[in-house]
Amino acid sequence: MLSLLSLTACVKDNDDSGDPAQPLVFTSLTAGKSTITAGESIKVTAVATGYKITYKWSATAGDILGTGKEIVYAVSPCHAGTNKITCTVTDGNNASQTKEIFIVVQ
């Protein structure tokens, strides 16, 4: 089985006047549903706070559409099964935290 990896990164809409002393806190990573049908898409949202945050997304199969704190995950019928979505949040001080969720594709 061939697996594709999709990656994207984006700078959060923060201005440069933020406080560099603000710690990075990656609160949650959630999806609209945990089980979807092939051909369906869902929103996935990362909630984080910190200084000059960037988001880097990846998936073991399917496509990551969009950038920033909220993306759309879309998957074709050939990627049925359990797929992992990973988000790494990095701040302007180069601190990072990673969370992952699993989406079942039927």
N, C-alpha and C. Protein backbone atom coordinates (compact mmCIF):
# COMPACT_ATOMS: atom_id res chain seq x y z
N MET A 1 0.85 -1.18 0.00
CA MET A 1 0.00 0.00 0.00
C MET A 1 0.89 1.24 0.00
N LEU A 2 0.59 2.14 -0.84
CA LEU A 2 1.36 3.37 -0.96
C LEU A 2 0.76 4.44 -0.05
N SER A 3 1.58 5.03 0.79
CA SER A 3 1.11 6.11 1.67
C SER A 3 1.75 7.42 1.24
N LEU A 4 0.96 8.46 1.21
CA LEU A 4 1.45 9.78 0.86
C LEU A 4 1.50 10.63 2.12
N LEU A 5 2.44 11.52 2.17
CA LEU A 5 2.59 12.42 3.31
C LEU A 5 2.40 13.85 2.83
N SER A 6 1.47 14.55 3.46
CA SER A 6 1.22 15.94 3.11
C SER A 6 1.73 16.83 4.22
N LEU A 7 2.45 17.89 3.87
CA LEU A 7 2.97 18.83 4.85
C LEU A 7 2.64 20.25 4.44
N THR A 8 2.40 21.07 5.44
CA THR A 8 2.20 22.49 5.18
C THR A 8 2.51 23.26 6.46
N ALA A 9 2.90 24.50 6.33
CA ALA A 9 3.19 25.34 7.49
C ALA A 9 2.69 26.74 7.22
N CYS A 10 2.37 27.45 8.29
CA CYS A 10 1.87 28.80 8.13
C CYS A 10 2.12 29.58 9.41
N VAL A 11 2.39 30.86 9.29
CA VAL A 11 2.55 31.72 10.45
C VAL A 11 1.18 32.19 10.89
N LYS A 12 0.90 32.09 12.17
CA LYS A 12 -0.36 32.56 12.72
C LYS A 12 -0.43 34.07 12.56
N ASP A 13 -1.64 34.60 12.50
CA ASP A 13 -1.82 36.04 12.33
C ASP A 13 -1.52 36.79 13.63
N ASN A 14 -0.28 36.78 14.04
CA ASN A 14 0.19 37.56 15.20
C ASN A 14 1.08 38.67 14.69
N ASP A 15 1.04 39.82 15.34
CA ASP A 15 1.98 40.85 14.94
C ASP A 15 3.29 40.67 15.70
N ASP A 16 4.32 41.38 15.30
CA ASP A 16 5.63 41.23 15.92
C ASP A 16 5.73 41.86 17.29
N SER A 17 4.68 42.51 17.78
CA SER A 17 4.76 43.18 19.07
C SER A 17 4.42 42.25 20.23
N GLY A 18 4.20 40.96 19.98
CA GLY A 18 3.90 40.00 21.04
C GLY A 18 5.04 39.89 22.03
N ASP A 19 4.76 39.24 23.12
CA ASP A 19 5.73 39.09 24.20
C ASP A 19 6.55 37.81 24.01
N PRO A 20 7.85 37.92 23.74
CA PRO A 20 8.68 36.72 23.56
C PRO A 20 8.74 35.85 24.82
N ALA A 21 8.38 36.38 25.97
CA ALA A 21 8.40 35.60 27.21
C ALA A 21 7.15 34.74 27.36
N GLN A 22 6.14 34.95 26.50
CA GLN A 22 4.92 34.15 26.60
C GLN A 22 5.24 32.70 26.25
N PRO A 23 4.93 31.76 27.15
CA PRO A 23 5.26 30.35 26.89
C PRO A 23 4.35 29.75 25.82
N LEU A 24 4.88 28.77 25.12
CA LEU A 24 4.10 28.02 24.14
C LEU A 24 3.22 27.01 24.88
N VAL A 25 1.93 27.03 24.61
CA VAL A 25 1.00 26.07 25.19
C VAL A 25 0.12 25.53 24.07
N PHE A 26 0.27 24.25 23.75
CA PHE A 26 -0.55 23.58 22.74
C PHE A 26 -1.66 22.86 23.48
N THR A 27 -2.84 23.47 23.48
CA THR A 27 -3.95 23.02 24.31
C THR A 27 -4.65 21.79 23.74
N SER A 28 -4.99 21.83 22.44
CA SER A 28 -5.75 20.70 21.89
C SER A 28 -5.63 20.59 20.38
N LEU A 29 -5.93 19.39 19.90
CA LEU A 29 -6.03 19.10 18.47
C LEU A 29 -7.31 18.30 18.30
N THR A 30 -8.29 18.85 17.57
CA THR A 30 -9.59 18.20 17.45
C THR A 30 -10.03 18.12 15.99
N ALA A 31 -10.86 17.12 15.72
CA ALA A 31 -11.44 16.95 14.38
C ALA A 31 -12.95 16.97 14.50
N GLY A 32 -13.61 17.38 13.41
CA GLY A 32 -15.06 17.43 13.39
C GLY A 32 -15.70 16.09 13.69
N LYS A 33 -15.08 15.00 13.24
CA LYS A 33 -15.54 13.63 13.49
C LYS A 33 -14.32 12.73 13.57
N SER A 34 -14.47 11.61 14.26
CA SER A 34 -13.36 10.66 14.34
C SER A 34 -13.47 9.55 13.30
N THR A 35 -14.66 9.41 12.68
CA THR A 35 -14.87 8.42 11.62
C THR A 35 -15.55 9.12 10.45
N ILE A 36 -14.98 8.93 9.24
CA ILE A 36 -15.56 9.53 8.04
C ILE A 36 -15.63 8.48 6.95
N THR A 37 -16.40 8.76 5.92
CA THR A 37 -16.46 7.87 4.76
C THR A 37 -15.45 8.35 3.72
N ALA A 38 -14.96 7.43 2.92
CA ALA A 38 -14.01 7.79 1.87
C ALA A 38 -14.64 8.84 0.96
N GLY A 39 -13.88 9.84 0.60
CA GLY A 39 -14.35 10.94 -0.22
C GLY A 39 -14.87 12.11 0.59
N GLU A 40 -15.04 11.93 1.89
CA GLU A 40 -15.52 12.99 2.77
C GLU A 40 -14.34 13.83 3.26
N SER A 41 -14.61 15.06 3.70
CA SER A 41 -13.57 15.89 4.29
C SER A 41 -14.09 16.45 5.61
N ILE A 42 -13.16 16.76 6.52
CA ILE A 42 -13.52 17.30 7.84
C ILE A 42 -12.54 18.40 8.21
N LYS A 43 -12.96 19.27 9.11
CA LYS A 43 -12.09 20.30 9.64
C LYS A 43 -11.31 19.74 10.83
N VAL A 44 -10.04 20.13 10.92
CA VAL A 44 -9.19 19.77 12.05
C VAL A 44 -8.62 21.08 12.60
N THR A 45 -8.72 21.26 13.92
CA THR A 45 -8.34 22.52 14.53
C THR A 45 -7.32 22.31 15.63
N ALA A 46 -6.27 23.14 15.61
CA ALA A 46 -5.26 23.18 16.67
C ALA A 46 -5.50 24.43 17.50
N VAL A 47 -5.44 24.28 18.82
CA VAL A 47 -5.58 25.42 19.72
C VAL A 47 -4.27 25.57 20.48
N ALA A 48 -3.61 26.72 20.27
CA ALA A 48 -2.33 26.97 20.92
C ALA A 48 -2.17 28.46 21.18
N THR A 49 -1.38 28.78 22.18
CA THR A 49 -1.03 30.16 22.45
C THR A 49 0.48 30.27 22.58
N GLY A 50 1.00 31.46 22.32
CA GLY A 50 2.43 31.68 22.41
C GLY A 50 2.84 32.84 21.52
N TYR A 51 4.13 32.99 21.37
CA TYR A 51 4.74 34.10 20.64
C TYR A 51 5.08 33.66 19.22
N LYS A 52 4.53 34.35 18.22
CA LYS A 52 4.81 34.07 16.79
C LYS A 52 4.67 32.58 16.46
N ILE A 53 3.47 32.06 16.61
CA ILE A 53 3.22 30.63 16.41
C ILE A 53 3.14 30.27 14.93
N THR A 54 3.75 29.13 14.58
CA THR A 54 3.59 28.52 13.26
C THR A 54 3.05 27.11 13.45
N TYR A 55 2.34 26.62 12.42
CA TYR A 55 1.73 25.30 12.46
C TYR A 55 2.29 24.47 11.31
N LYS A 56 2.66 23.23 11.59
CA LYS A 56 3.13 22.31 10.56
C LYS A 56 2.26 21.05 10.65
N TRP A 57 1.60 20.71 9.56
CA TRP A 57 0.65 19.60 9.52
C TRP A 57 1.17 18.46 8.66
N SER A 58 0.81 17.23 9.03
CA SER A 58 1.10 16.08 8.18
C SER A 58 0.03 15.01 8.40
N ALA A 59 -0.10 14.11 7.44
CA ALA A 59 -1.06 13.01 7.52
C ALA A 59 -0.42 11.77 6.90
N THR A 60 -0.72 10.61 7.47
CA THR A 60 -0.16 9.37 6.92
C THR A 60 -0.79 9.02 5.58
N ALA A 61 -2.00 9.50 5.31
CA ALA A 61 -2.67 9.31 4.02
C ALA A 61 -3.69 10.42 3.87
N GLY A 62 -4.05 10.74 2.65
CA GLY A 62 -5.02 11.81 2.42
C GLY A 62 -4.33 13.14 2.22
N ASP A 63 -5.14 14.19 2.18
CA ASP A 63 -4.62 15.52 1.88
C ASP A 63 -4.94 16.51 2.99
N ILE A 64 -3.97 17.36 3.28
CA ILE A 64 -4.13 18.50 4.19
C ILE A 64 -4.40 19.70 3.30
N LEU A 65 -5.57 20.31 3.45
CA LEU A 65 -5.94 21.47 2.64
C LEU A 65 -6.00 22.70 3.53
N GLY A 66 -5.25 23.73 3.16
CA GLY A 66 -5.22 24.95 3.95
C GLY A 66 -3.98 25.03 4.82
N THR A 67 -3.93 26.10 5.62
CA THR A 67 -2.79 26.35 6.49
C THR A 67 -3.28 27.01 7.78
N GLY A 68 -2.39 27.16 8.72
CA GLY A 68 -2.73 27.85 9.96
C GLY A 68 -3.31 26.92 10.99
N LYS A 69 -4.11 27.48 11.89
CA LYS A 69 -4.62 26.71 13.03
C LYS A 69 -5.77 25.78 12.66
N GLU A 70 -6.39 25.97 11.49
CA GLU A 70 -7.49 25.10 11.07
C GLU A 70 -7.29 24.69 9.62
N ILE A 71 -7.33 23.37 9.39
CA ILE A 71 -7.17 22.83 8.04
C ILE A 71 -8.36 21.94 7.72
N VAL A 72 -8.45 21.51 6.48
CA VAL A 72 -9.45 20.52 6.07
C VAL A 72 -8.67 19.26 5.69
N TYR A 73 -9.12 18.12 6.22
CA TYR A 73 -8.52 16.83 5.90
C TYR A 73 -9.46 16.11 4.93
N ALA A 74 -8.93 15.73 3.77
CA ALA A 74 -9.72 15.04 2.74
C ALA A 74 -9.02 13.74 2.38
N VAL A 75 -9.82 12.70 2.16
CA VAL A 75 -9.24 11.39 1.87
C VAL A 75 -10.04 10.68 0.79
N SER A 76 -9.32 9.99 -0.09
CA SER A 76 -9.96 9.25 -1.18
C SER A 76 -10.26 7.81 -0.74
N PRO A 77 -11.05 7.09 -1.51
CA PRO A 77 -11.40 5.70 -1.15
C PRO A 77 -10.20 4.77 -1.02
N CYS A 78 -9.12 5.06 -1.70
CA CYS A 78 -7.96 4.16 -1.62
C CYS A 78 -7.19 4.29 -0.30
N HIS A 79 -7.60 5.19 0.59
CA HIS A 79 -6.92 5.37 1.87
C HIS A 79 -7.80 4.98 3.06
N ALA A 80 -8.65 3.96 2.86
CA ALA A 80 -9.50 3.48 3.96
C ALA A 80 -8.63 2.91 5.07
N GLY A 81 -9.10 3.02 6.29
CA GLY A 81 -8.37 2.53 7.45
C GLY A 81 -8.19 3.64 8.46
N THR A 82 -7.25 3.45 9.37
CA THR A 82 -6.98 4.46 10.39
C THR A 82 -5.81 5.32 9.94
N ASN A 83 -6.04 6.62 9.83
CA ASN A 83 -5.02 7.56 9.37
C ASN A 83 -4.68 8.54 10.49
N LYS A 84 -3.41 8.84 10.60
CA LYS A 84 -2.92 9.74 11.65
C LYS A 84 -2.69 11.14 11.08
N ILE A 85 -3.19 12.15 11.79
CA ILE A 85 -2.92 13.55 11.47
C ILE A 85 -2.07 14.11 12.60
N THR A 86 -0.97 14.75 12.24
CA THR A 86 -0.04 15.31 13.20
C THR A 86 0.08 16.81 13.00
N CYS A 87 0.09 17.56 14.09
CA CYS A 87 0.32 19.00 14.04
C CYS A 87 1.45 19.34 15.01
N THR A 88 2.44 20.05 14.51
CA THR A 88 3.53 20.55 15.35
C THR A 88 3.42 22.06 15.38
N VAL A 89 3.36 22.60 16.59
CA VAL A 89 3.27 24.04 16.80
C VAL A 89 4.63 24.52 17.28
N THR A 90 5.16 25.56 16.63
CA THR A 90 6.46 26.12 17.00
C THR A 90 6.29 27.60 17.25
N ASP A 91 6.96 28.12 18.29
CA ASP A 91 6.86 29.55 18.57
C ASP A 91 8.11 30.28 18.09
N GLY A 92 8.10 31.60 18.25
CA GLY A 92 9.21 32.44 17.81
C GLY A 92 10.50 32.23 18.57
N ASN A 93 10.45 31.48 19.68
CA ASN A 93 11.65 31.16 20.44
C ASN A 93 12.15 29.75 20.12
N ASN A 94 11.58 29.13 19.08
CA ASN A 94 11.95 27.81 18.59
C ASN A 94 11.55 26.68 19.54
N ALA A 95 10.62 26.94 20.46
CA ALA A 95 10.04 25.86 21.27
C ALA A 95 8.95 25.21 20.43
N SER A 96 8.77 23.90 20.55
CA SER A 96 7.72 23.24 19.78
C SER A 96 7.03 22.16 20.61
N GLN A 97 5.80 21.88 20.22
CA GLN A 97 5.00 20.81 20.82
C GLN A 97 4.22 20.14 19.70
N THR A 98 3.99 18.84 19.84
CA THR A 98 3.32 18.07 18.80
C THR A 98 2.16 17.30 19.40
N LYS A 99 1.06 17.25 18.65
CA LYS A 99 -0.09 16.42 19.01
C LYS A 99 -0.52 15.67 17.76
N GLU A 100 -1.19 14.53 17.98
CA GLU A 100 -1.70 13.75 16.86
C GLU A 100 -3.09 13.21 17.19
N ILE A 101 -3.87 13.01 16.14
CA ILE A 101 -5.18 12.39 16.27
C ILE A 101 -5.31 11.34 15.18
N PHE A 102 -6.26 10.45 15.38
CA PHE A 102 -6.49 9.38 14.41
C PHE A 102 -7.90 9.50 13.86
N ILE A 103 -8.01 9.39 12.53
CA ILE A 103 -9.28 9.45 11.84
C ILE A 103 -9.49 8.09 11.15
N VAL A 104 -10.63 7.46 11.41
CA VAL A 104 -10.98 6.20 10.76
C VAL A 104 -11.74 6.52 9.48
N VAL A 105 -11.23 5.99 8.36
CA VAL A 105 -11.86 6.20 7.06
C VAL A 105 -12.49 4.89 6.62
N GLN A 106 -13.79 4.92 6.39
CA GLN A 106 -14.52 3.70 6.02
C GLN A 106 -14.82 3.69 4.54
